[in-house]
Amino acid sequence: MLVAGVLAYPAPWRYRVVAILAGFLTIQTLNIARIISLFYLGQWNLQIFNWTHLYLWPVFIMLDVLVVFILYLRYLKQRPGAASG
């Protein structure tokens, strides 16, 4: 979703590549936190593990994508001529 949004928005390729790499790093960092939390939740309570795995973490990942994209748009807004592509 992030890559599609970044590529669809008109901006210089340099900014697009940086946004995609930054988004990739934040998503992977959050994914590691997800795996660690699910490991401990799975040992503690399987019902909470299932609910967290199926409902809570996907929301957090998509919110992370949204936050990175909004920060990217705010960064482009501060750069004169960056949104012209």
C-alpha atoms as a PDB file:
ATOM      1  CA  MET A   1       0.000   0.000   0.000  1.00  0.00           C
ATOM      2  CA  LEU A   2       2.774   2.408   0.877  1.00  0.00           C
ATOM      3  CA  VAL A   3       4.695   1.772  -2.327  1.00  0.00           C
ATOM      4  CA  ALA A   4       1.537   2.288  -4.395  1.00  0.00           C
ATOM      5  CA  GLY A   5       0.763   5.558  -2.618  1.00  0.00           C
ATOM      6  CA  VAL A   6       4.306   6.876  -2.913  1.00  0.00           C
ATOM      7  CA  LEU A   7       4.589   5.962  -6.576  1.00  0.00           C
ATOM      8  CA  ALA A   8       1.182   7.417  -7.410  1.00  0.00           C
ATOM      9  CA  TYR A   9       1.933  10.806  -5.841  1.00  0.00           C
ATOM     10  CA  PRO A  10       3.892  13.166  -8.109  1.00  0.00           C
ATOM     11  CA  ALA A  11       7.348  13.764  -6.647  1.00  0.00           C
ATOM     12  CA  PRO A  12      10.985  13.442  -7.704  1.00  0.00           C
ATOM     13  CA  TRP A  13      12.264   9.885  -7.754  1.00  0.00           C
ATOM     14  CA  ARG A  14      14.861  10.644  -5.099  1.00  0.00           C
ATOM     15  CA  TYR A  15      12.108  11.460  -2.568  1.00  0.00           C
ATOM     16  CA  ARG A  16      10.082   8.430  -3.615  1.00  0.00           C
ATOM     17  CA  VAL A  17      12.970   6.024  -3.077  1.00  0.00           C
ATOM     18  CA  VAL A  18      13.757   7.509   0.342  1.00  0.00           C
ATOM     19  CA  ALA A  19      10.092   7.261   1.387  1.00  0.00           C
ATOM     20  CA  ILE A  20       9.847   3.640   0.251  1.00  0.00           C
ATOM     21  CA  LEU A  21      13.055   2.690   2.085  1.00  0.00           C
ATOM     22  CA  ALA A  22      11.997   4.526   5.252  1.00  0.00           C
ATOM     23  CA  GLY A  23       8.588   2.887   5.110  1.00  0.00           C
ATOM     24  CA  PHE A  24      10.141  -0.522   4.588  1.00  0.00           C
ATOM     25  CA  LEU A  25      12.378  -0.069   7.628  1.00  0.00           C
ATOM     26  CA  THR A  26       9.559   1.109   9.889  1.00  0.00           C
ATOM     27  CA  ILE A  27       7.245  -1.676   8.778  1.00  0.00           C
ATOM     28  CA  GLN A  28       9.938  -4.315   9.327  1.00  0.00           C
ATOM     29  CA  THR A  29      10.751  -2.906  12.759  1.00  0.00           C
ATOM     30  CA  LEU A  30       7.096  -3.036  13.712  1.00  0.00           C
ATOM     31  CA  ASN A  31       6.878  -6.540  12.277  1.00  0.00           C
ATOM     32  CA  ILE A  32       9.693  -7.705  14.570  1.00  0.00           C
ATOM     33  CA  ALA A  33       7.809  -6.220  17.536  1.00  0.00           C
ATOM     34  CA  ARG A  34       4.703  -8.062  16.296  1.00  0.00           C
ATOM     35  CA  ILE A  35       6.501 -11.401  16.142  1.00  0.00           C
ATOM     36  CA  ILE A  36       8.020 -10.978  19.598  1.00  0.00           C
ATOM     37  CA  SER A  37       4.706  -9.970  21.150  1.00  0.00           C
ATOM     38  CA  LEU A  38       2.875 -12.839  19.458  1.00  0.00           C
ATOM     39  CA  PHE A  39       5.483 -15.297  20.716  1.00  0.00           C
ATOM     40  CA  TYR A  40       4.872 -14.266  24.325  1.00  0.00           C
ATOM     41  CA  LEU A  41       1.109 -13.995  23.892  1.00  0.00           C
ATOM     42  CA  GLY A  42       1.033 -17.494  22.404  1.00  0.00           C
ATOM     43  CA  GLN A  43       2.725 -18.865  25.492  1.00  0.00           C
ATOM     44  CA  TRP A  44       0.422 -16.974  27.822  1.00  0.00           C
ATOM     45  CA  ASN A  45      -3.071 -17.175  26.295  1.00  0.00           C
ATOM     46  CA  LEU A  46      -3.956 -18.688  22.910  1.00  0.00           C
ATOM     47  CA  GLN A  47      -7.283 -16.847  22.576  1.00  0.00           C
ATOM     48  CA  ILE A  48      -5.645 -13.456  23.070  1.00  0.00           C
ATOM     49  CA  PHE A  49      -2.886 -14.532  20.673  1.00  0.00           C
ATOM     50  CA  ASN A  50      -5.439 -15.327  17.960  1.00  0.00           C
ATOM     51  CA  TRP A  51      -7.340 -12.075  18.436  1.00  0.00           C
ATOM     52  CA  THR A  52      -4.165 -10.003  18.470  1.00  0.00           C
ATOM     53  CA  HIS A  53      -2.734 -11.797  15.457  1.00  0.00           C
ATOM     54  CA  LEU A  54      -5.891 -11.546  13.362  1.00  0.00           C
ATOM     55  CA  TYR A  55      -7.242  -8.122  14.339  1.00  0.00           C
ATOM     56  CA  LEU A  56      -4.910  -5.898  16.354  1.00  0.00           C
ATOM     57  CA  TRP A  57      -1.560  -6.209  14.575  1.00  0.00           C
ATOM     58  CA  PRO A  58      -2.903  -5.764  11.029  1.00  0.00           C
ATOM     59  CA  VAL A  59      -4.431  -2.473  12.178  1.00  0.00           C
ATOM     60  CA  PHE A  60      -1.107  -1.366  13.682  1.00  0.00           C
ATOM     61  CA  ILE A  61       0.761  -2.233  10.499  1.00  0.00           C
ATOM     62  CA  MET A  62      -1.686  -0.293   8.322  1.00  0.00           C
ATOM     63  CA  LEU A  63      -1.575   2.660  10.723  1.00  0.00           C
ATOM     64  CA  ASP A  64       2.203   2.607  10.403  1.00  0.00           C
ATOM     65  CA  VAL A  65       1.865   2.721   6.616  1.00  0.00           C
ATOM     66  CA  LEU A  66      -0.554   5.637   6.913  1.00  0.00           C
ATOM     67  CA  VAL A  67       1.720   7.571   9.287  1.00  0.00           C
ATOM     68  CA  VAL A  68       4.754   7.091   7.046  1.00  0.00           C
ATOM     69  CA  PHE A  69       2.765   8.245   4.009  1.00  0.00           C
ATOM     70  CA  ILE A  70       1.416  11.313   5.835  1.00  0.00           C
ATOM     71  CA  LEU A  71       4.923  12.223   6.996  1.00  0.00           C
ATOM     72  CA  TYR A  72       6.113  11.819   3.407  1.00  0.00           C
ATOM     73  CA  LEU A  73       3.396  14.176   2.177  1.00  0.00           C
ATOM     74  CA  ARG A  74       4.206  16.725   4.879  1.00  0.00           C
ATOM     75  CA  TYR A  75       7.889  16.538   3.953  1.00  0.00           C
ATOM     76  CA  LEU A  76       7.057  17.137   0.279  1.00  0.00           C
ATOM     77  CA  LYS A  77       4.878  20.096   1.211  1.00  0.00           C
ATOM     78  CA  GLN A  78       7.874  21.779   2.867  1.00  0.00           C
ATOM     79  CA  ARG A  79      10.042  21.331  -0.238  1.00  0.00           C
ATOM     80  CA  PRO A  80       9.290  23.893  -2.963  1.00  0.00           C
ATOM     81  CA  GLY A  81       8.724  22.169  -6.296  1.00  0.00           C
ATOM     82  CA  ALA A  82       8.969  18.643  -4.847  1.00  0.00           C
ATOM     83  CA  ALA A  83       5.345  17.790  -5.573  1.00  0.00           C
ATOM     84  CA  SER A  84       5.715  18.604  -9.266  1.00  0.00           C
ATOM     85  CA  GLY A  85       7.512  15.332 -10.041  1.00  0.00           C
END
